[in-house]
Amino acid sequence: MPLTALDPRTALVLIDLQYGITSLVEPTPLADPVARAAQLAARFRAHRLPVVLVRVNFSPDGADAPRNRTAIARPSGRPPANWTESLSELDPQPSDVVVTKHQPGAFYGTDLDLKLRRRGITGVVLGGVATSLGVESTGRAGYDHGYNITFAADAMTDPDPGAHEHSLQVSFPKFGEVDTAAAIAAALRPAT
């Protein structure tokens, strides 16, 4: 379902666009989505709407990792010093909201919902990496929390192109609207 409207109080939530995660993705499919995410971030800031930079981090002893058979592999050893830093292309600002997660989705075990509600947010635009994991998990949970979800289809990517397309074509339209970063930027209105 393409974009029909954005709520007047909408936040941009960018998932895992950080050095540690993006270093695991091929640079070619990453360049365009990161550029579009950066453009959206600049537009949201210009309209005085929140930009949320979600990063994933893991405890050194792995104590925050789920203990089940399908647990996602965590990096072994000590991560690089810039593991959780947002990509410089996003031009992170002091006004940006930063959320650290320990699971694929940005709502579980974090204060994301609280930070959004305190700002009067009713709509969320999502982008980032990986489409079929962090973005999809966050979108589903955001929908369950009552937010109007919009997916910026060309401001996200996935190491698995088939999983990316499945999320965009099959999963996302069931709980949100899907459109381009340009269409979303054009629909933005200054914060009220």
C-alpha atoms as a PDB file:
ATOM      1  CA  MET A   1       0.000   0.000   0.000  1.00  0.00           C
ATOM      2  CA  PRO A   2       1.573   3.328  -1.036  1.00  0.00           C
ATOM      3  CA  LEU A   3       1.677   6.325   1.257  1.00  0.00           C
ATOM      4  CA  THR A   4      -1.676   8.026   1.744  1.00  0.00           C
ATOM      5  CA  ALA A   5      -0.662  10.523   4.449  1.00  0.00           C
ATOM      6  CA  LEU A   6       1.774  11.118   7.263  1.00  0.00           C
ATOM      7  CA  ASP A   7       0.603  11.969  10.753  1.00  0.00           C
ATOM      8  CA  PRO A   8       1.479  15.552  11.763  1.00  0.00           C
ATOM      9  CA  ARG A   9       3.620  14.081  14.584  1.00  0.00           C
ATOM     10  CA  THR A  10       5.742  11.500  12.769  1.00  0.00           C
ATOM     11  CA  ALA A  11       9.255  10.360  13.674  1.00  0.00           C
ATOM     12  CA  LEU A  12      11.919   8.914  11.417  1.00  0.00           C
ATOM     13  CA  VAL A  13      13.363   5.746  12.969  1.00  0.00           C
ATOM     14  CA  LEU A  14      16.536   4.437  11.337  1.00  0.00           C
ATOM     15  CA  ILE A  15      17.566   0.915  12.266  1.00  0.00           C
ATOM     16  CA  ASP A  16      21.193  -0.220  12.660  1.00  0.00           C
ATOM     17  CA  LEU A  17      22.776   2.304  10.294  1.00  0.00           C
ATOM     18  CA  GLN A  18      25.949   2.064  12.342  1.00  0.00           C
ATOM     19  CA  TYR A  19      29.521   1.163  11.487  1.00  0.00           C
ATOM     20  CA  GLY A  20      29.492  -2.249  13.176  1.00  0.00           C
ATOM     21  CA  ILE A  21      26.430  -3.573  11.359  1.00  0.00           C
ATOM     22  CA  THR A  22      26.891  -1.947   7.970  1.00  0.00           C
ATOM     23  CA  SER A  23      30.447  -3.301   7.791  1.00  0.00           C
ATOM     24  CA  LEU A  24      28.795  -6.719   7.436  1.00  0.00           C
ATOM     25  CA  VAL A  25      26.832  -5.628   4.328  1.00  0.00           C
ATOM     26  CA  GLU A  26      28.250  -5.268   0.826  1.00  0.00           C
ATOM     27  CA  PRO A  27      28.958  -1.545   0.191  1.00  0.00           C
ATOM     28  CA  THR A  28      27.273  -1.390  -3.231  1.00  0.00           C
ATOM     29  CA  PRO A  29      23.694  -2.192  -2.142  1.00  0.00           C
ATOM     30  CA  LEU A  30      24.201  -0.033   0.954  1.00  0.00           C
ATOM     31  CA  ALA A  31      25.256   3.280  -0.629  1.00  0.00           C
ATOM     32  CA  ASP A  32      21.911   4.352  -2.129  1.00  0.00           C
ATOM     33  CA  PRO A  33      19.722   3.388   0.863  1.00  0.00           C
ATOM     34  CA  VAL A  34      22.083   5.190   3.257  1.00  0.00           C
ATOM     35  CA  ALA A  35      22.027   8.300   1.056  1.00  0.00           C
ATOM     36  CA  ARG A  36      18.208   8.253   1.004  1.00  0.00           C
ATOM     37  CA  ALA A  37      18.055   7.706   4.767  1.00  0.00           C
ATOM     38  CA  ALA A  38      20.389  10.686   5.218  1.00  0.00           C
ATOM     39  CA  GLN A  39      18.161  12.826   2.985  1.00  0.00           C
ATOM     40  CA  LEU A  40      15.114  11.821   5.001  1.00  0.00           C
ATOM     41  CA  ALA A  41      16.919  12.600   8.264  1.00  0.00           C
ATOM     42  CA  ALA A  42      17.803  16.078   6.979  1.00  0.00           C
ATOM     43  CA  ARG A  43      14.188  16.687   5.911  1.00  0.00           C
ATOM     44  CA  PHE A  44      12.769  15.504   9.247  1.00  0.00           C
ATOM     45  CA  ARG A  45      15.193  17.756  11.124  1.00  0.00           C
ATOM     46  CA  ALA A  46      14.300  20.704   8.868  1.00  0.00           C
ATOM     47  CA  HIS A  47      10.636  20.129   9.760  1.00  0.00           C
ATOM     48  CA  ARG A  48      11.545  19.847  13.458  1.00  0.00           C
ATOM     49  CA  LEU A  49      10.374  16.248  13.592  1.00  0.00           C
ATOM     50  CA  PRO A  50      12.289  13.629  15.588  1.00  0.00           C
ATOM     51  CA  VAL A  51      15.025  11.503  14.073  1.00  0.00           C
ATOM     52  CA  VAL A  52      15.657   8.324  16.044  1.00  0.00           C
ATOM     53  CA  LEU A  53      18.945   6.529  15.479  1.00  0.00           C
ATOM     54  CA  VAL A  54      18.621   2.954  16.671  1.00  0.00           C
ATOM     55  CA  ARG A  55      21.789   1.015  17.254  1.00  0.00           C
ATOM     56  CA  VAL A  56      22.407  -2.512  18.382  1.00  0.00           C
ATOM     57  CA  ASN A  57      24.983  -3.379  20.993  1.00  0.00           C
ATOM     58  CA  PHE A  58      25.843  -6.535  22.861  1.00  0.00           C
ATOM     59  CA  SER A  59      27.228  -7.038  26.337  1.00  0.00           C
ATOM     60  CA  PRO A  60      30.822  -8.320  26.345  1.00  0.00           C
ATOM     61  CA  ASP A  61      29.824 -11.494  28.191  1.00  0.00           C
ATOM     62  CA  GLY A  62      26.852 -12.205  25.915  1.00  0.00           C
ATOM     63  CA  ALA A  63      24.440 -12.099  28.858  1.00  0.00           C
ATOM     64  CA  ASP A  64      21.901 -10.131  26.805  1.00  0.00           C
ATOM     65  CA  ALA A  65      21.725 -12.804  24.074  1.00  0.00           C
ATOM     66  CA  PRO A  66      18.589 -14.949  23.916  1.00  0.00           C
ATOM     67  CA  ARG A  67      19.066 -18.539  24.956  1.00  0.00           C
ATOM     68  CA  ASN A  68      17.106 -20.367  22.297  1.00  0.00           C
ATOM     69  CA  ARG A  69      17.862 -22.580  19.305  1.00  0.00           C
ATOM     70  CA  THR A  70      17.250 -19.857  16.739  1.00  0.00           C
ATOM     71  CA  ALA A  71      19.282 -17.106  18.385  1.00  0.00           C
ATOM     72  CA  ILE A  72      20.984 -14.751  15.950  1.00  0.00           C
ATOM     73  CA  ALA A  73      24.747 -15.170  15.936  1.00  0.00           C
ATOM     74  CA  ARG A  74      26.452 -12.411  17.906  1.00  0.00           C
ATOM     75  CA  PRO A  75      29.883 -11.121  16.988  1.00  0.00           C
ATOM     76  CA  SER A  76      32.549 -12.919  18.943  1.00  0.00           C
ATOM     77  CA  GLY A  77      35.285 -11.078  20.764  1.00  0.00           C
ATOM     78  CA  ARG A  78      35.418  -7.381  21.432  1.00  0.00           C
ATOM     79  CA  PRO A  79      33.677  -5.258  18.775  1.00  0.00           C
ATOM     80  CA  PRO A  80      35.566  -2.389  17.122  1.00  0.00           C
ATOM     81  CA  ALA A  81      35.575   0.925  19.005  1.00  0.00           C
ATOM     82  CA  ASN A  82      33.129   2.512  16.556  1.00  0.00           C
ATOM     83  CA  TRP A  83      30.730  -0.478  16.500  1.00  0.00           C
ATOM     84  CA  THR A  84      27.702   1.501  17.741  1.00  0.00           C
ATOM     85  CA  GLU A  85      28.486   4.845  16.081  1.00  0.00           C
ATOM     86  CA  SER A  86      25.913   6.016  13.550  1.00  0.00           C
ATOM     87  CA  LEU A  87      27.195   6.395  10.015  1.00  0.00           C
ATOM     88  CA  SER A  88      28.661   9.842   9.401  1.00  0.00           C
ATOM     89  CA  GLU A  89      26.557  10.097   6.225  1.00  0.00           C
ATOM     90  CA  LEU A  90      23.504  10.480   8.488  1.00  0.00           C
ATOM     91  CA  ASP A  91      25.029  13.646   9.973  1.00  0.00           C
ATOM     92  CA  PRO A  92      23.972  12.742  13.535  1.00  0.00           C
ATOM     93  CA  GLN A  93      22.826  15.768  15.511  1.00  0.00           C
ATOM     94  CA  PRO A  94      22.592  16.417  19.271  1.00  0.00           C
ATOM     95  CA  SER A  95      18.816  16.715  18.836  1.00  0.00           C
ATOM     96  CA  ASP A  96      18.563  13.141  17.505  1.00  0.00           C
ATOM     97  CA  VAL A  97      17.121  10.515  19.805  1.00  0.00           C
ATOM     98  CA  VAL A  98      19.439   7.529  20.283  1.00  0.00           C
ATOM     99  CA  VAL A  99      18.092   4.128  21.290  1.00  0.00           C
ATOM    100  CA  THR A 100      20.277   1.116  22.014  1.00  0.00           C
ATOM    101  CA  LYS A 101      18.696  -2.281  21.482  1.00  0.00           C
ATOM    102  CA  HIS A 102      19.873  -5.804  22.187  1.00  0.00           C
ATOM    103  CA  GLN A 103      17.390  -7.715  20.020  1.00  0.00           C
ATOM    104  CA  PRO A 104      16.388  -7.360  16.350  1.00  0.00           C
ATOM    105  CA  GLY A 105      13.402  -5.088  17.060  1.00  0.00           C
ATOM    106  CA  ALA A 106      13.842  -1.594  18.478  1.00  0.00           C
ATOM    107  CA  PHE A 107      10.823  -1.714  20.818  1.00  0.00           C
ATOM    108  CA  TYR A 108      11.593  -4.842  22.844  1.00  0.00           C
ATOM    109  CA  GLY A 109      13.572  -4.084  26.001  1.00  0.00           C
ATOM    110  CA  THR A 110      14.157  -0.398  25.127  1.00  0.00           C
ATOM    111  CA  ASP A 111      12.557   2.940  25.951  1.00  0.00           C
ATOM    112  CA  LEU A 112      11.697   3.706  22.303  1.00  0.00           C
ATOM    113  CA  ASP A 113       7.933   3.696  22.896  1.00  0.00           C
ATOM    114  CA  LEU A 114       8.316   6.009  25.905  1.00  0.00           C
ATOM    115  CA  LYS A 115      10.542   8.424  23.967  1.00  0.00           C
ATOM    116  CA  LEU A 116       8.072   8.549  21.069  1.00  0.00           C
ATOM    117  CA  ARG A 117       4.984   8.995  23.252  1.00  0.00           C
ATOM    118  CA  ARG A 118       6.612  11.781  25.289  1.00  0.00           C
ATOM    119  CA  ARG A 119       7.079  13.644  22.009  1.00  0.00           C
ATOM    120  CA  GLY A 120       3.450  13.082  20.983  1.00  0.00           C
ATOM    121  CA  ILE A 121       4.440  10.833  18.081  1.00  0.00           C
ATOM    122  CA  THR A 122       1.666   8.852  16.372  1.00  0.00           C
ATOM    123  CA  GLY A 123       3.406   7.903  13.123  1.00  0.00           C
ATOM    124  CA  VAL A 124       6.741   6.239  12.416  1.00  0.00           C
ATOM    125  CA  VAL A 125       8.735   6.153   9.179  1.00  0.00           C
ATOM    126  CA  LEU A 126      11.213   3.281   9.102  1.00  0.00           C
ATOM    127  CA  GLY A 127      14.445   2.709   7.202  1.00  0.00           C
ATOM    128  CA  GLY A 128      17.712   0.902   7.809  1.00  0.00           C
ATOM    129  CA  VAL A 129      19.243  -2.531   7.701  1.00  0.00           C
ATOM    130  CA  ALA A 130      18.302  -5.347   7.556  1.00  0.00           C
ATOM    131  CA  THR A 131      14.898  -5.008   5.955  1.00  0.00           C
ATOM    132  CA  SER A 132      13.740  -8.499   6.901  1.00  0.00           C
ATOM    133  CA  LEU A 133      15.083  -8.454  10.441  1.00  0.00           C
ATOM    134  CA  GLY A 134      15.559  -5.197  12.370  1.00  0.00           C
ATOM    135  CA  VAL A 135      13.268  -3.063  10.208  1.00  0.00           C
ATOM    136  CA  GLU A 136      10.515  -5.672   9.982  1.00  0.00           C
ATOM    137  CA  SER A 137      10.675  -6.539  13.708  1.00  0.00           C
ATOM    138  CA  THR A 138      10.464  -2.857  14.616  1.00  0.00           C
ATOM    139  CA  GLY A 139       7.618  -2.230  12.173  1.00  0.00           C
ATOM    140  CA  ARG A 140       5.547  -5.098  13.502  1.00  0.00           C
ATOM    141  CA  ALA A 141       6.053  -4.012  17.108  1.00  0.00           C
ATOM    142  CA  GLY A 142       5.351  -0.380  16.233  1.00  0.00           C
ATOM    143  CA  TYR A 143       2.075  -1.445  14.632  1.00  0.00           C
ATOM    144  CA  ASP A 144       1.236  -3.452  17.773  1.00  0.00           C
ATOM    145  CA  HIS A 145       1.951  -0.317  19.852  1.00  0.00           C
ATOM    146  CA  GLY A 146      -0.593   1.630  17.777  1.00  0.00           C
ATOM    147  CA  TYR A 147       1.705   3.723  15.572  1.00  0.00           C
ATOM    148  CA  ASN A 148       0.905   4.416  11.936  1.00  0.00           C
ATOM    149  CA  ILE A 149       3.846   2.796  10.153  1.00  0.00           C
ATOM    150  CA  THR A 150       5.362   3.922   6.862  1.00  0.00           C
ATOM    151  CA  PHE A 151       8.295   2.088   5.302  1.00  0.00           C
ATOM    152  CA  ALA A 152      10.799   4.030   3.191  1.00  0.00           C
ATOM    153  CA  ALA A 153      11.378   1.199   0.712  1.00  0.00           C
ATOM    154  CA  ASP A 154      14.474   2.673  -0.904  1.00  0.00           C
ATOM    155  CA  ALA A 155      16.046   3.780   2.408  1.00  0.00           C
ATOM    156  CA  MET A 156      16.585   0.210   3.574  1.00  0.00           C
ATOM    157  CA  THR A 157      18.440  -2.860   2.421  1.00  0.00           C
ATOM    158  CA  ASP A 158      19.056  -6.468   3.322  1.00  0.00           C
ATOM    159  CA  PRO A 159      21.980  -8.815   2.687  1.00  0.00           C
ATOM    160  CA  ASP A 160      19.371 -11.198   1.252  1.00  0.00           C
ATOM    161  CA  PRO A 161      17.684  -9.534  -1.774  1.00  0.00           C
ATOM    162  CA  GLY A 162      14.857 -12.099  -1.747  1.00  0.00           C
ATOM    163  CA  ALA A 163      14.090 -11.418   1.915  1.00  0.00           C
ATOM    164  CA  HIS A 164      14.166  -7.669   1.208  1.00  0.00           C
ATOM    165  CA  GLU A 165      11.611  -8.013  -1.604  1.00  0.00           C
ATOM    166  CA  HIS A 166       9.406 -10.350   0.439  1.00  0.00           C
ATOM    167  CA  SER A 167       9.251  -7.839   3.278  1.00  0.00           C
ATOM    168  CA  LEU A 168       8.426  -4.966   0.904  1.00  0.00           C
ATOM    169  CA  GLN A 169       5.860  -6.832  -1.185  1.00  0.00           C
ATOM    170  CA  VAL A 170       4.253  -9.264   1.262  1.00  0.00           C
ATOM    171  CA  SER A 171       4.862  -8.412   4.913  1.00  0.00           C
ATOM    172  CA  PHE A 172       4.982  -4.602   5.133  1.00  0.00           C
ATOM    173  CA  PRO A 173       1.665  -3.870   3.356  1.00  0.00           C
ATOM    174  CA  LYS A 174      -0.113  -5.902   6.044  1.00  0.00           C
ATOM    175  CA  PHE A 175       0.773  -3.441   8.805  1.00  0.00           C
ATOM    176  CA  GLY A 176       1.925  -0.238   7.144  1.00  0.00           C
ATOM    177  CA  GLU A 177       2.307   1.810   4.011  1.00  0.00           C
ATOM    178  CA  VAL A 178       5.297   1.445   1.705  1.00  0.00           C
ATOM    179  CA  ASP A 179       6.684   4.202  -0.503  1.00  0.00           C
ATOM    180  CA  THR A 180       9.863   5.919  -1.610  1.00  0.00           C
ATOM    181  CA  ALA A 181      11.917   8.324   0.460  1.00  0.00           C
ATOM    182  CA  ALA A 182      11.064  11.063  -2.051  1.00  0.00           C
ATOM    183  CA  ALA A 183       7.308  10.504  -1.642  1.00  0.00           C
ATOM    184  CA  ILE A 184       7.668  10.507   2.138  1.00  0.00           C
ATOM    185  CA  ALA A 185       9.778  13.697   2.096  1.00  0.00           C
ATOM    186  CA  ALA A 186       7.184  15.392  -0.115  1.00  0.00           C
ATOM    187  CA  ALA A 187       4.420  14.489   2.366  1.00  0.00           C
ATOM    188  CA  LEU A 188       6.214  16.002   5.375  1.00  0.00           C
ATOM    189  CA  ARG A 189       4.740  19.033   7.076  1.00  0.00           C
ATOM    190  CA  PRO A 190       6.417  21.147   9.775  1.00  0.00           C
ATOM    191  CA  ALA A 191       5.843  19.965  13.332  1.00  0.00           C
ATOM    192  CA  THR A 192       2.759  21.374  14.991  1.00  0.00           C
END
